[in-house]
């Protein structure tokens, strides 16, 4: 992030990505990811790599759980990342709540796209 305009653009990019994720608009989210993205795998650990890795990961995830994530706050940190405070509700496929908590996602960007996501 080099200036206020970049920060605004990155916040808008993240807000739209969360909106598309919750709507299960997979292609919409993937279009916002760098082709060589590293994405935290919250189910199995580690990271998945590239848009195809993220597609496969979310396809597996959505087949067994129904996660919904709402960004509450987006702020830069001292490492040059954007930290998103997220209210996360995970349900089973019958609608039963499995998890309801606040988590933090950390993002890095390249070429105007999301390059890396970590779960803090």
PDB file of N, CA and C in Angstrom:
ATOM      1  N   UNK A   1       0.850  -1.170   0.000  1.00  0.00           N
ATOM      2  CA  UNK A   1       0.000   0.000   0.000  1.00  0.00           C
ATOM      3  C   UNK A   1       0.893   1.230   0.000  1.00  0.00           C
ATOM      4  N   UNK A   2       0.647   2.083  -0.970  1.00  0.00           N
ATOM      5  CA  UNK A   2       1.508   3.247  -1.058  1.00  0.00           C
ATOM      6  C   UNK A   2       0.784   4.541  -0.762  1.00  0.00           C
ATOM      7  N   UNK A   3      -0.504   4.568  -0.933  1.00  0.00           N
ATOM      8  CA  UNK A   3      -1.221   5.810  -0.643  1.00  0.00           C
ATOM      9  C   UNK A   3      -2.667   5.516  -0.277  1.00  0.00           C
ATOM     10  N   UNK A   4      -3.384   6.592   0.035  1.00  0.00           N
ATOM     11  CA  UNK A   4      -4.781   6.461   0.454  1.00  0.00           C
ATOM     12  C   UNK A   4      -5.652   5.849  -0.630  1.00  0.00           C
ATOM     13  N   UNK A   5      -5.391   6.188  -1.902  1.00  0.00           N
ATOM     14  CA  UNK A   5      -6.184   5.623  -2.998  1.00  0.00           C
ATOM     15  C   UNK A   5      -6.002   4.109  -3.066  1.00  0.00           C
ATOM     16  N   UNK A   6      -4.750   3.627  -2.901  1.00  0.00           N
ATOM     17  CA  UNK A   6      -4.509   2.181  -2.905  1.00  0.00           C
ATOM     18  C   UNK A   6      -5.253   1.513  -1.755  1.00  0.00           C
ATOM     19  N   UNK A   7      -5.202   2.125  -0.582  1.00  0.00           N
ATOM     20  CA  UNK A   7      -5.876   1.572   0.595  1.00  0.00           C
ATOM     21  C   UNK A   7      -7.379   1.499   0.357  1.00  0.00           C
ATOM     22  N   UNK A   8      -7.958   2.538  -0.214  1.00  0.00           N
ATOM     23  CA  UNK A   8      -9.395   2.538  -0.521  1.00  0.00           C
ATOM     24  C   UNK A   8      -9.723   1.449  -1.529  1.00  0.00           C
ATOM     25  N   UNK A   9      -8.919   1.333  -2.585  1.00  0.00           N
ATOM     26  CA  UNK A   9      -9.147   0.305  -3.603  1.00  0.00           C
ATOM     27  C   UNK A   9      -9.063  -1.097  -3.000  1.00  0.00           C
ATOM     28  N   UNK A  10      -8.078  -1.317  -2.147  1.00  0.00           N
ATOM     29  CA  UNK A  10      -7.913  -2.633  -1.540  1.00  0.00           C
ATOM     30  C   UNK A  10      -9.056  -2.955  -0.583  1.00  0.00           C
ATOM     31  N   UNK A  11      -9.517  -1.980   0.155  1.00  0.00           N
ATOM     32  CA  UNK A  11     -10.682  -2.195   1.039  1.00  0.00           C
ATOM     33  C   UNK A  11     -11.915  -2.559   0.210  1.00  0.00           C
ATOM     34  N   UNK A  12     -12.131  -1.844  -0.883  1.00  0.00           N
ATOM     35  CA  UNK A  12     -13.283  -2.135  -1.751  1.00  0.00           C
ATOM     36  C   UNK A  12     -13.156  -3.528  -2.370  1.00  0.00           C
ATOM     37  N   UNK A  13     -11.946  -3.895  -2.764  1.00  0.00           N
ATOM     38  CA  UNK A  13     -11.700  -5.218  -3.323  1.00  0.00           C
ATOM     39  C   UNK A  13     -12.063  -6.305  -2.308  1.00  0.00           C
ATOM     40  N   UNK A  14     -11.624  -6.127  -1.065  1.00  0.00           N
ATOM     41  CA  UNK A  14     -11.920  -7.108  -0.024  1.00  0.00           C
ATOM     42  C   UNK A  14     -13.408  -7.174   0.293  1.00  0.00           C
ATOM     43  N   UNK A  15     -14.045  -6.018   0.411  1.00  0.00           N
ATOM     44  CA  UNK A  15     -15.484  -5.989   0.707  1.00  0.00           C
ATOM     45  C   UNK A  15     -16.261  -6.734  -0.379  1.00  0.00           C
ATOM     46  N   UNK A  16     -15.914  -6.499  -1.634  1.00  0.00           N
ATOM     47  CA  UNK A  16     -16.585  -7.186  -2.738  1.00  0.00           C
ATOM     48  C   UNK A  16     -16.293  -8.682  -2.718  1.00  0.00           C
ATOM     49  N   UNK A  17     -15.062  -9.052  -2.369  1.00  0.00           N
ATOM     50  CA  UNK A  17     -14.709 -10.472  -2.309  1.00  0.00           C
ATOM     51  C   UNK A  17     -15.526 -11.193  -1.235  1.00  0.00           C
ATOM     52  N   UNK A  18     -15.674 -10.582  -0.062  1.00  0.00           N
ATOM     53  CA  UNK A  18     -16.496 -11.194   0.994  1.00  0.00           C
ATOM     54  C   UNK A  18     -17.955 -11.304   0.546  1.00  0.00           C
ATOM     55  N   UNK A  19     -18.454 -10.265  -0.095  1.00  0.00           N
ATOM     56  CA  UNK A  19     -19.843 -10.296  -0.584  1.00  0.00           C
ATOM     57  C   UNK A  19     -20.029 -11.450  -1.567  1.00  0.00           C
ATOM     58  N   UNK A  20     -19.090 -11.587  -2.520  1.00  0.00           N
ATOM     59  CA  UNK A  20     -19.201 -12.663  -3.499  1.00  0.00           C
ATOM     60  C   UNK A  20     -19.025 -14.039  -2.864  1.00  0.00           C
ATOM     61  N   UNK A  21     -18.124 -14.149  -1.887  1.00  0.00           N
ATOM     62  CA  UNK A  21     -17.957 -15.428  -1.186  1.00  0.00           C
ATOM     63  C   UNK A  21     -19.272 -15.841  -0.532  1.00  0.00           C
ATOM     64  N   UNK A  22     -19.913 -14.918   0.170  1.00  0.00           N
ATOM     65  CA  UNK A  22     -21.164 -15.238   0.868  1.00  0.00           C
ATOM     66  C   UNK A  22     -22.290 -15.573  -0.106  1.00  0.00           C
ATOM     67  N   UNK A  23     -22.243 -15.011  -1.305  1.00  0.00           N
ATOM     68  CA  UNK A  23     -23.248 -15.298  -2.339  1.00  0.00           C
ATOM     69  C   UNK A  23     -22.888 -16.553  -3.137  1.00  0.00           C
ATOM     70  N   UNK A  24     -21.742 -17.158  -2.809  1.00  0.00           N
ATOM     71  CA  UNK A  24     -21.216 -18.335  -3.520  1.00  0.00           C
ATOM     72  C   UNK A  24     -20.956 -18.006  -4.997  1.00  0.00           C
ATOM     73  N   UNK A  25     -20.579 -16.768  -5.257  1.00  0.00           N
ATOM     74  CA  UNK A  25     -20.157 -16.334  -6.590  1.00  0.00           C
ATOM     75  C   UNK A  25     -18.659 -16.611  -6.703  1.00  0.00           C
ATOM     76  N   UNK A  26     -18.338 -17.863  -6.912  1.00  0.00           N
ATOM     77  CA  UNK A  26     -16.950 -18.307  -6.911  1.00  0.00           C
ATOM     78  C   UNK A  26     -16.119 -17.570  -7.954  1.00  0.00           C
ATOM     79  N   UNK A  27     -16.623 -17.458  -9.161  1.00  0.00           N
ATOM     80  CA  UNK A  27     -15.851 -16.800 -10.216  1.00  0.00           C
ATOM     81  C   UNK A  27     -15.617 -15.325  -9.901  1.00  0.00           C
ATOM     82  N   UNK A  28     -16.573 -14.685  -9.233  1.00  0.00           N
ATOM     83  CA  UNK A  28     -16.402 -13.293  -8.829  1.00  0.00           C
ATOM     84  C   UNK A  28     -15.261 -13.126  -7.850  1.00  0.00           C
ATOM     85  N   UNK A  29     -15.154 -14.032  -6.882  1.00  0.00           N
ATOM     86  CA  UNK A  29     -14.056 -13.956  -5.918  1.00  0.00           C
ATOM     87  C   UNK A  29     -12.742 -14.292  -6.612  1.00  0.00           C
ATOM     88  N   UNK A  30     -12.726 -15.345  -7.387  1.00  0.00           N
ATOM     89  CA  UNK A  30     -11.478 -15.761  -8.039  1.00  0.00           C
ATOM     90  C   UNK A  30     -10.914 -14.661  -8.930  1.00  0.00           C
ATOM     91  N   UNK A  31     -11.766 -13.871  -9.543  1.00  0.00           N
ATOM     92  CA  UNK A  31     -11.305 -12.775 -10.400  1.00  0.00           C
ATOM     93  C   UNK A  31     -10.550 -11.710  -9.602  1.00  0.00           C
ATOM     94  N   UNK A  32     -10.758 -11.669  -8.298  1.00  0.00           N
ATOM     95  CA  UNK A  32     -10.088 -10.698  -7.436  1.00  0.00           C
ATOM     96  C   UNK A  32      -8.780 -11.239  -6.842  1.00  0.00           C
ATOM     97  N   UNK A  33      -8.470 -12.488  -7.150  1.00  0.00           N
ATOM     98  CA  UNK A  33      -7.266 -13.126  -6.626  1.00  0.00           C
ATOM     99  C   UNK A  33      -6.160 -13.108  -7.675  1.00  0.00           C
ATOM    100  N   UNK A  34      -4.952 -12.882  -7.216  1.00  0.00           N
ATOM    101  CA  UNK A  34      -3.777 -12.960  -8.077  1.00  0.00           C
ATOM    102  C   UNK A  34      -3.664 -14.394  -8.598  1.00  0.00           C
ATOM    103  N   UNK A  35      -3.237 -14.591  -9.841  1.00  0.00           N
ATOM    104  CA  UNK A  35      -3.117 -15.961 -10.361  1.00  0.00           C
ATOM    105  C   UNK A  35      -2.244 -16.868  -9.493  1.00  0.00           C
ATOM    106  N   UNK A  36      -1.282 -16.291  -8.774  1.00  0.00           N
ATOM    107  CA  UNK A  36      -0.395 -17.083  -7.919  1.00  0.00           C
ATOM    108  C   UNK A  36      -0.696 -16.871  -6.437  1.00  0.00           C
ATOM    109  N   UNK A  37      -1.953 -16.694  -6.117  1.00  0.00           N
ATOM    110  CA  UNK A  37      -2.379 -16.439  -4.740  1.00  0.00           C
ATOM    111  C   UNK A  37      -2.001 -17.591  -3.810  1.00  0.00           C
ATOM    112  N   UNK A  38      -1.686 -17.241  -2.571  1.00  0.00           N
ATOM    113  CA  UNK A  38      -1.537 -18.211  -1.483  1.00  0.00           C
ATOM    114  C   UNK A  38      -2.674 -17.929  -0.514  1.00  0.00           C
ATOM    115  N   UNK A  39      -3.518 -18.935  -0.274  1.00  0.00           N
ATOM    116  CA  UNK A  39      -4.739 -18.750   0.512  1.00  0.00           C
ATOM    117  C   UNK A  39      -4.734 -19.723   1.684  1.00  0.00           C
ATOM    118  N   UNK A  40      -4.973 -19.211   2.877  1.00  0.00           N
ATOM    119  CA  UNK A  40      -5.002 -20.065   4.068  1.00  0.00           C
ATOM    120  C   UNK A  40      -6.099 -21.116   3.962  1.00  0.00           C
ATOM    121  N   UNK A  41      -5.741 -22.342   4.266  1.00  0.00           N
ATOM    122  CA  UNK A  41      -6.692 -23.453   4.279  1.00  0.00           C
ATOM    123  C   UNK A  41      -7.132 -23.644   5.731  1.00  0.00           C
ATOM    124  N   UNK A  42      -8.258 -23.040   6.077  1.00  0.00           N
ATOM    125  CA  UNK A  42      -8.756 -23.082   7.445  1.00  0.00           C
ATOM    126  C   UNK A  42      -9.278 -24.440   7.881  1.00  0.00           C
ATOM    127  N   UNK A  43      -9.564 -25.321   6.944  1.00  0.00           N
ATOM    128  CA  UNK A  43     -10.094 -26.645   7.297  1.00  0.00           C
ATOM    129  C   UNK A  43      -8.987 -27.663   7.548  1.00  0.00           C
ATOM    130  N   UNK A  44      -7.984 -27.656   6.676  1.00  0.00           N
ATOM    131  CA  UNK A  44      -6.980 -28.718   6.710  1.00  0.00           C
ATOM    132  C   UNK A  44      -5.592 -28.223   7.103  1.00  0.00           C
ATOM    133  N   UNK A  45      -5.425 -26.916   7.206  1.00  0.00           N
ATOM    134  CA  UNK A  45      -4.130 -26.337   7.548  1.00  0.00           C
ATOM    135  C   UNK A  45      -3.316 -26.010   6.310  1.00  0.00           C
ATOM    136  N   UNK A  46      -2.298 -25.202   6.505  1.00  0.00           N
ATOM    137  CA  UNK A  46      -1.430 -24.812   5.402  1.00  0.00           C
ATOM    138  C   UNK A  46      -2.104 -23.798   4.490  1.00  0.00           C
ATOM    139  N   UNK A  47      -1.663 -23.769   3.254  1.00  0.00           N
ATOM    140  CA  UNK A  47      -2.210 -22.864   2.249  1.00  0.00           C
ATOM    141  C   UNK A  47      -2.512 -23.637   0.975  1.00  0.00           C
ATOM    142  N   UNK A  48      -3.466 -23.141   0.217  1.00  0.00           N
ATOM    143  CA  UNK A  48      -3.690 -23.623  -1.143  1.00  0.00           C
ATOM    144  C   UNK A  48      -3.107 -22.568  -2.066  1.00  0.00           C
ATOM    145  N   UNK A  49      -2.707 -22.983  -3.268  1.00  0.00           N
ATOM    146  CA  UNK A  49      -1.973 -22.099  -4.164  1.00  0.00           C
ATOM    147  C   UNK A  49      -2.696 -21.938  -5.496  1.00  0.00           C
ATOM    148  N   UNK A  50      -2.722 -20.719  -5.963  1.00  0.00           N
ATOM    149  CA  UNK A  50      -3.313 -20.407  -7.257  1.00  0.00           C
ATOM    150  C   UNK A  50      -4.839 -20.407  -7.215  1.00  0.00           C
ATOM    151  N   UNK A  51      -5.416 -19.826  -8.242  1.00  0.00           N
ATOM    152  CA  UNK A  51      -6.882 -19.757  -8.321  1.00  0.00           C
ATOM    153  C   UNK A  51      -7.525 -21.138  -8.349  1.00  0.00           C
ATOM    154  N   UNK A  52      -6.903 -22.084  -9.059  1.00  0.00           N
ATOM    155  CA  UNK A  52      -7.467 -23.442  -9.108  1.00  0.00           C
ATOM    156  C   UNK A  52      -7.425 -24.102  -7.737  1.00  0.00           C
ATOM    157  N   UNK A  53      -6.362 -23.854  -6.975  1.00  0.00           N
ATOM    158  CA  UNK A  53      -6.274 -24.393  -5.618  1.00  0.00           C
ATOM    159  C   UNK A  53      -7.374 -23.839  -4.727  1.00  0.00           C
ATOM    160  N   UNK A  54      -7.639 -22.531  -4.842  1.00  0.00           N
ATOM    161  CA  UNK A  54      -8.711 -21.910  -4.057  1.00  0.00           C
ATOM    162  C   UNK A  54     -10.061 -22.454  -4.504  1.00  0.00           C
ATOM    163  N   UNK A  55     -10.281 -22.583  -5.805  1.00  0.00           N
ATOM    164  CA  UNK A  55     -11.542 -23.139  -6.323  1.00  0.00           C
ATOM    165  C   UNK A  55     -11.790 -24.531  -5.751  1.00  0.00           C
ATOM    166  N   UNK A  56     -10.774 -25.389  -5.805  1.00  0.00           N
ATOM    167  CA  UNK A  56     -10.914 -26.760  -5.299  1.00  0.00           C
ATOM    168  C   UNK A  56     -11.193 -26.757  -3.793  1.00  0.00           C
ATOM    169  N   UNK A  57     -10.472 -25.927  -3.062  1.00  0.00           N
ATOM    170  CA  UNK A  57     -10.643 -25.837  -1.609  1.00  0.00           C
ATOM    171  C   UNK A  57     -12.069 -25.415  -1.261  1.00  0.00           C
ATOM    172  N   UNK A  58     -12.556 -24.342  -1.862  1.00  0.00           N
ATOM    173  CA  UNK A  58     -13.908 -23.879  -1.531  1.00  0.00           C
ATOM    174  C   UNK A  58     -14.971 -24.858  -1.998  1.00  0.00           C
ATOM    175  N   UNK A  59     -14.747 -25.518  -3.117  1.00  0.00           N
ATOM    176  CA  UNK A  59     -15.712 -26.520  -3.587  1.00  0.00           C
ATOM    177  C   UNK A  59     -15.828 -27.655  -2.567  1.00  0.00           C
ATOM    178  N   UNK A  60     -14.681 -28.116  -2.047  1.00  0.00           N
ATOM    179  CA  UNK A  60     -14.700 -29.155  -1.000  1.00  0.00           C
ATOM    180  C   UNK A  60     -15.378 -28.626   0.262  1.00  0.00           C
ATOM    181  N   UNK A  61     -15.034 -27.408   0.657  1.00  0.00           N
ATOM    182  CA  UNK A  61     -15.579 -26.814   1.880  1.00  0.00           C
ATOM    183  C   UNK A  61     -17.093 -26.683   1.788  1.00  0.00           C
ATOM    184  N   UNK A  62     -17.581 -26.118   0.703  1.00  0.00           N
ATOM    185  CA  UNK A  62     -19.021 -25.865   0.570  1.00  0.00           C
ATOM    186  C   UNK A  62     -19.824 -27.152   0.426  1.00  0.00           C
ATOM    187  N   UNK A  63     -19.170 -28.254   0.122  1.00  0.00           N
ATOM    188  CA  UNK A  63     -19.869 -29.544   0.039  1.00  0.00           C
ATOM    189  C   UNK A  63     -20.162 -30.112   1.425  1.00  0.00           C
ATOM    190  N   UNK A  64     -19.464 -29.599   2.476  1.00  0.00           N
ATOM    191  CA  UNK A  64     -19.665 -30.167   3.806  1.00  0.00           C
ATOM    192  C   UNK A  64     -20.100 -29.142   4.860  1.00  0.00           C
ATOM    193  N   UNK A  65     -19.830 -27.844   4.629  1.00  0.00           N
ATOM    194  CA  UNK A  65     -20.253 -26.807   5.575  1.00  0.00           C
ATOM    195  C   UNK A  65     -20.734 -25.578   4.808  1.00  0.00           C
ATOM    196  N   UNK A  66     -21.403 -24.699   5.533  1.00  0.00           N
ATOM    197  CA  UNK A  66     -21.939 -23.470   4.954  1.00  0.00           C
ATOM    198  C   UNK A  66     -21.386 -22.279   5.742  1.00  0.00           C
ATOM    199  N   UNK A  67     -20.195 -21.774   5.342  1.00  0.00           N
ATOM    200  CA  UNK A  67     -19.614 -20.641   6.062  1.00  0.00           C
ATOM    201  C   UNK A  67     -20.148 -19.308   5.552  1.00  0.00           C
ATOM    202  N   UNK A  68     -20.263 -18.352   6.446  1.00  0.00           N
ATOM    203  CA  UNK A  68     -20.664 -16.980   6.107  1.00  0.00           C
ATOM    204  C   UNK A  68     -19.733 -16.049   6.886  1.00  0.00           C
ATOM    205  N   UNK A  69     -19.111 -15.111   6.179  1.00  0.00           N
ATOM    206  CA  UNK A  69     -18.139 -14.216   6.801  1.00  0.00           C
ATOM    207  C   UNK A  69     -18.485 -12.761   6.482  1.00  0.00           C
ATOM    208  N   UNK A  70     -18.658 -11.971   7.516  1.00  0.00           N
ATOM    209  CA  UNK A  70     -18.968 -10.559   7.354  1.00  0.00           C
ATOM    210  C   UNK A  70     -17.824  -9.716   7.891  1.00  0.00           C
ATOM    211  N   UNK A  71     -17.205  -8.899   7.022  1.00  0.00           N
ATOM    212  CA  UNK A  71     -16.146  -8.015   7.515  1.00  0.00           C
ATOM    213  C   UNK A  71     -16.720  -6.948   8.436  1.00  0.00           C
ATOM    214  N   UNK A  72     -16.067  -6.755   9.571  1.00  0.00           N
ATOM    215  CA  UNK A  72     -16.494  -5.754  10.552  1.00  0.00           C
ATOM    216  C   UNK A  72     -15.611  -4.519  10.452  1.00  0.00           C
ATOM    217  N   UNK A  73     -14.306  -4.755  10.277  1.00  0.00           N
ATOM    218  CA  UNK A  73     -13.348  -3.660  10.260  1.00  0.00           C
ATOM    219  C   UNK A  73     -12.168  -4.062   9.383  1.00  0.00           C
ATOM    220  N   UNK A  74     -11.621  -3.108   8.638  1.00  0.00           N
ATOM    221  CA  UNK A  74     -10.459  -3.350   7.785  1.00  0.00           C
ATOM    222  C   UNK A  74      -9.444  -2.248   8.061  1.00  0.00           C
ATOM    223  N   UNK A  75      -8.272  -2.653   8.571  1.00  0.00           N
ATOM    224  CA  UNK A  75      -7.238  -1.676   8.926  1.00  0.00           C
ATOM    225  C   UNK A  75      -5.865  -2.194   8.526  1.00  0.00           C
ATOM    226  N   UNK A  76      -4.967  -1.302   8.135  1.00  0.00           N
ATOM    227  CA  UNK A  76      -3.590  -1.724   7.842  1.00  0.00           C
ATOM    228  C   UNK A  76      -2.844  -2.048   9.132  1.00  0.00           C
ATOM    229  N   UNK A  77      -1.837  -2.920   9.020  1.00  0.00           N
ATOM    230  CA  UNK A  77      -0.982  -3.199  10.170  1.00  0.00           C
ATOM    231  C   UNK A  77       0.438  -2.719   9.875  1.00  0.00           C
ATOM    232  N   UNK A  78       1.317  -2.901  10.836  1.00  0.00           N
ATOM    233  CA  UNK A  78       2.692  -2.418  10.715  1.00  0.00           C
ATOM    234  C   UNK A  78       3.514  -3.222   9.715  1.00  0.00           C
ATOM    235  N   UNK A  79       2.993  -4.355   9.240  1.00  0.00           N
ATOM    236  CA  UNK A  79       3.715  -5.201   8.281  1.00  0.00           C
ATOM    237  C   UNK A  79       3.297  -4.921   6.834  1.00  0.00           C
ATOM    238  N   UNK A  80       2.419  -3.929   6.633  1.00  0.00           N
ATOM    239  CA  UNK A  80       1.973  -3.603   5.286  1.00  0.00           C
ATOM    240  C   UNK A  80       0.814  -4.451   4.792  1.00  0.00           C
ATOM    241  N   UNK A  81       0.177  -5.166   5.699  1.00  0.00           N
ATOM    242  CA  UNK A  81      -0.979  -5.996   5.342  1.00  0.00           C
ATOM    243  C   UNK A  81      -2.260  -5.249   5.696  1.00  0.00           C
ATOM    244  N   UNK A  82      -3.369  -5.690   5.142  1.00  0.00           N
ATOM    245  CA  UNK A  82      -4.671  -5.251   5.631  1.00  0.00           C
ATOM    246  C   UNK A  82      -5.223  -6.364   6.497  1.00  0.00           C
ATOM    247  N   UNK A  83      -5.652  -6.000   7.696  1.00  0.00           N
ATOM    248  CA  UNK A  83      -6.232  -6.962   8.636  1.00  0.00           C
ATOM    249  C   UNK A  83      -7.738  -6.744   8.642  1.00  0.00           C
ATOM    250  N   UNK A  84      -8.471  -7.817   8.369  1.00  0.00           N
ATOM    251  CA  UNK A  84      -9.930  -7.752   8.353  1.00  0.00           C
ATOM    252  C   UNK A  84     -10.458  -8.497   9.569  1.00  0.00           C
ATOM    253  N   UNK A  85     -11.152  -7.772  10.428  1.00  0.00           N
ATOM    254  CA  UNK A  85     -11.872  -8.391  11.534  1.00  0.00           C
ATOM    255  C   UNK A  85     -13.178  -8.914  10.949  1.00  0.00           C
ATOM    256  N   UNK A  86     -13.424 -10.203  11.131  1.00  0.00           N
ATOM    257  CA  UNK A  86     -14.537 -10.882  10.458  1.00  0.00           C
ATOM    258  C   UNK A  86     -15.421 -11.593  11.475  1.00  0.00           C
ATOM    259  N   UNK A  87     -16.738 -11.402  11.333  1.00  0.00           N
ATOM    260  CA  UNK A  87     -17.687 -12.225  12.089  1.00  0.00           C
ATOM    261  C   UNK A  87     -17.974 -13.446  11.226  1.00  0.00           C
ATOM    262  N   UNK A  88     -17.607 -14.611  11.741  1.00  0.00           N
ATOM    263  CA  UNK A  88     -17.719 -15.856  10.999  1.00  0.00           C
ATOM    264  C   UNK A  88     -18.760 -16.755  11.642  1.00  0.00           C
ATOM    265  N   UNK A  89     -19.716 -17.186  10.834  1.00  0.00           N
ATOM    266  CA  UNK A  89     -20.710 -18.167  11.269  1.00  0.00           C
ATOM    267  C   UNK A  89     -20.618 -19.346  10.309  1.00  0.00           C
ATOM    268  N   UNK A  90     -20.373 -20.517  10.872  1.00  0.00           N
ATOM    269  CA  UNK A  90     -20.281 -21.736  10.077  1.00  0.00           C
ATOM    270  C   UNK A  90     -21.428 -22.650  10.492  1.00  0.00           C
ATOM    271  N   UNK A  91     -22.181 -23.080   9.503  1.00  0.00           N
ATOM    272  CA  UNK A  91     -23.314 -23.986   9.734  1.00  0.00           C
ATOM    273  C   UNK A  91     -23.062 -25.310   9.017  1.00  0.00           C
ATOM    274  N   UNK A  92     -23.696 -26.353   9.530  1.00  0.00           N
ATOM    275  CA  UNK A  92     -23.674 -27.596   8.764  1.00  0.00           C
ATOM    276  C   UNK A  92     -24.696 -27.437   7.638  1.00  0.00           C
ATOM    277  N   UNK A  93     -24.808 -28.425   6.790  1.00  0.00           N
ATOM    278  CA  UNK A  93     -25.689 -28.292   5.630  1.00  0.00           C
ATOM    279  C   UNK A  93     -27.171 -28.360   5.991  1.00  0.00           C
ATOM    280  N   UNK A  94     -27.471 -28.684   7.249  1.00  0.00           N
ATOM    281  CA  UNK A  94     -28.860 -28.660   7.726  1.00  0.00           C
ATOM    282  C   UNK A  94     -29.212 -27.331   8.374  1.00  0.00           C
ATOM    283  N   UNK A  95     -28.208 -26.417   8.486  1.00  0.00           N
ATOM    284  CA  UNK A  95     -28.453 -25.103   9.057  1.00  0.00           C
ATOM    285  C   UNK A  95     -28.086 -24.956  10.523  1.00  0.00           C
ATOM    286  N   UNK A  96     -27.579 -26.011  11.143  1.00  0.00           N
ATOM    287  CA  UNK A  96     -27.171 -25.941  12.545  1.00  0.00           C
ATOM    288  C   UNK A  96     -25.852 -25.174  12.676  1.00  0.00           C
ATOM    289  N   UNK A  97     -25.789 -24.259  13.626  1.00  0.00           N
ATOM    290  CA  UNK A  97     -24.576 -23.470  13.834  1.00  0.00           C
ATOM    291  C   UNK A  97     -23.494 -24.341  14.466  1.00  0.00           C
ATOM    292  N   UNK A  98     -22.347 -24.404  13.801  1.00  0.00           N
ATOM    293  CA  UNK A  98     -21.191 -25.144  14.300  1.00  0.00           C
ATOM    294  C   UNK A  98     -20.184 -24.206  14.959  1.00  0.00           C
ATOM    295  N   UNK A  99     -20.131 -22.959  14.481  1.00  0.00           N
ATOM    296  CA  UNK A  99     -19.142 -22.002  14.937  1.00  0.00           C
ATOM    297  C   UNK A  99     -19.700 -20.595  14.737  1.00  0.00           C
ATOM    298  N   UNK A 100     -19.526 -19.750  15.734  1.00  0.00           N
ATOM    299  CA  UNK A 100     -19.945 -18.352  15.637  1.00  0.00           C
ATOM    300  C   UNK A 100     -18.922 -17.545  16.426  1.00  0.00           C
ATOM    301  N   UNK A 101     -17.990 -16.902  15.695  1.00  0.00           N
ATOM    302  CA  UNK A 101     -16.922 -16.188  16.390  1.00  0.00           C
ATOM    303  C   UNK A 101     -16.329 -15.108  15.497  1.00  0.00           C
ATOM    304  N   UNK A 102     -15.487 -14.301  16.092  1.00  0.00           N
ATOM    305  CA  UNK A 102     -14.743 -13.281  15.365  1.00  0.00           C
ATOM    306  C   UNK A 102     -13.344 -13.810  15.092  1.00  0.00           C
ATOM    307  N   UNK A 103     -12.896 -13.650  13.848  1.00  0.00           N
ATOM    308  CA  UNK A 103     -11.555 -14.048  13.452  1.00  0.00           C
ATOM    309  C   UNK A 103     -10.910 -12.878  12.713  1.00  0.00           C
ATOM    310  N   UNK A 104      -9.612 -12.988  12.483  1.00  0.00           N
ATOM    311  CA  UNK A 104      -8.888 -11.952  11.751  1.00  0.00           C
ATOM    312  C   UNK A 104      -8.201 -12.584  10.546  1.00  0.00           C
ATOM    313  N   UNK A 105      -8.424 -11.966   9.388  1.00  0.00           N
ATOM    314  CA  UNK A 105      -7.781 -12.380   8.152  1.00  0.00           C
ATOM    315  C   UNK A 105      -6.771 -11.308   7.772  1.00  0.00           C
ATOM    316  N   UNK A 106      -5.574 -11.717   7.364  1.00  0.00           N
ATOM    317  CA  UNK A 106      -4.516 -10.785   6.966  1.00  0.00           C
ATOM    318  C   UNK A 106      -4.260 -10.935   5.467  1.00  0.00           C
ATOM    319  N   UNK A 107      -4.251  -9.815   4.762  1.00  0.00           N
ATOM    320  CA  UNK A 107      -4.123  -9.821   3.304  1.00  0.00           C
ATOM    321  C   UNK A 107      -2.910  -9.039   2.834  1.00  0.00           C
ATOM    322  N   UNK A 108      -2.315  -9.563   1.766  1.00  0.00           N
ATOM    323  CA  UNK A 108      -1.285  -8.859   0.999  1.00  0.00           C
ATOM    324  C   UNK A 108      -1.777  -8.780  -0.449  1.00  0.00           C
ATOM    325  N   UNK A 109      -1.298  -7.785  -1.170  1.00  0.00           N
ATOM    326  CA  UNK A 109      -1.774  -7.523  -2.526  1.00  0.00           C
ATOM    327  C   UNK A 109      -0.599  -7.421  -3.495  1.00  0.00           C
ATOM    328  N   UNK A 110      -0.866  -7.737  -4.757  1.00  0.00           N
ATOM    329  CA  UNK A 110       0.090  -7.536  -5.847  1.00  0.00           C
ATOM    330  C   UNK A 110      -0.710  -7.283  -7.120  1.00  0.00           C
ATOM    331  N   UNK A 111      -0.269  -6.339  -7.905  1.00  0.00           N
ATOM    332  CA  UNK A 111      -0.917  -6.036  -9.188  1.00  0.00           C
ATOM    333  C   UNK A 111      -2.405  -5.732  -9.024  1.00  0.00           C
ATOM    334  N   UNK A 112      -2.792  -5.118  -7.897  1.00  0.00           N
ATOM    335  CA  UNK A 112      -4.178  -4.751  -7.668  1.00  0.00           C
ATOM    336  C   UNK A 112      -5.093  -5.909  -7.299  1.00  0.00           C
ATOM    337  N   UNK A 113      -4.502  -7.070  -6.984  1.00  0.00           N
ATOM    338  CA  UNK A 113      -5.265  -8.269  -6.649  1.00  0.00           C
ATOM    339  C   UNK A 113      -4.792  -8.832  -5.312  1.00  0.00           C
ATOM    340  N   UNK A 114      -5.609  -9.709  -4.719  1.00  0.00           N
ATOM    341  CA  UNK A 114      -5.235 -10.366  -3.464  1.00  0.00           C
ATOM    342  C   UNK A 114      -4.164 -11.397  -3.752  1.00  0.00           C
ATOM    343  N   UNK A 115      -3.017 -11.252  -3.106  1.00  0.00           N
ATOM    344  CA  UNK A 115      -1.876 -12.154  -3.349  1.00  0.00           C
ATOM    345  C   UNK A 115      -1.739 -13.210  -2.254  1.00  0.00           C
ATOM    346  N   UNK A 116      -2.132 -12.860  -1.015  1.00  0.00           N
ATOM    347  CA  UNK A 116      -1.997 -13.816   0.078  1.00  0.00           C
ATOM    348  C   UNK A 116      -3.038 -13.522   1.149  1.00  0.00           C
ATOM    349  N   UNK A 117      -3.606 -14.586   1.708  1.00  0.00           N
ATOM    350  CA  UNK A 117      -4.526 -14.467   2.845  1.00  0.00           C
ATOM    351  C   UNK A 117      -4.065 -15.441   3.913  1.00  0.00           C
ATOM    352  N   UNK A 118      -3.938 -14.905   5.138  1.00  0.00           N
ATOM    353  CA  UNK A 118      -3.597 -15.716   6.296  1.00  0.00           C
ATOM    354  C   UNK A 118      -4.683 -15.524   7.341  1.00  0.00           C
ATOM    355  N   UNK A 119      -4.909 -16.558   8.144  1.00  0.00           N
ATOM    356  CA  UNK A 119      -5.824 -16.469   9.278  1.00  0.00           C
ATOM    357  C   UNK A 119      -4.975 -16.215  10.507  1.00  0.00           C
ATOM    358  N   UNK A 120      -5.276 -15.142  11.215  1.00  0.00           N
ATOM    359  CA  UNK A 120      -4.483 -14.750  12.386  1.00  0.00           C
ATOM    360  C   UNK A 120      -5.057 -15.393  13.635  1.00  0.00           C
TER     361      UNK A 120
END
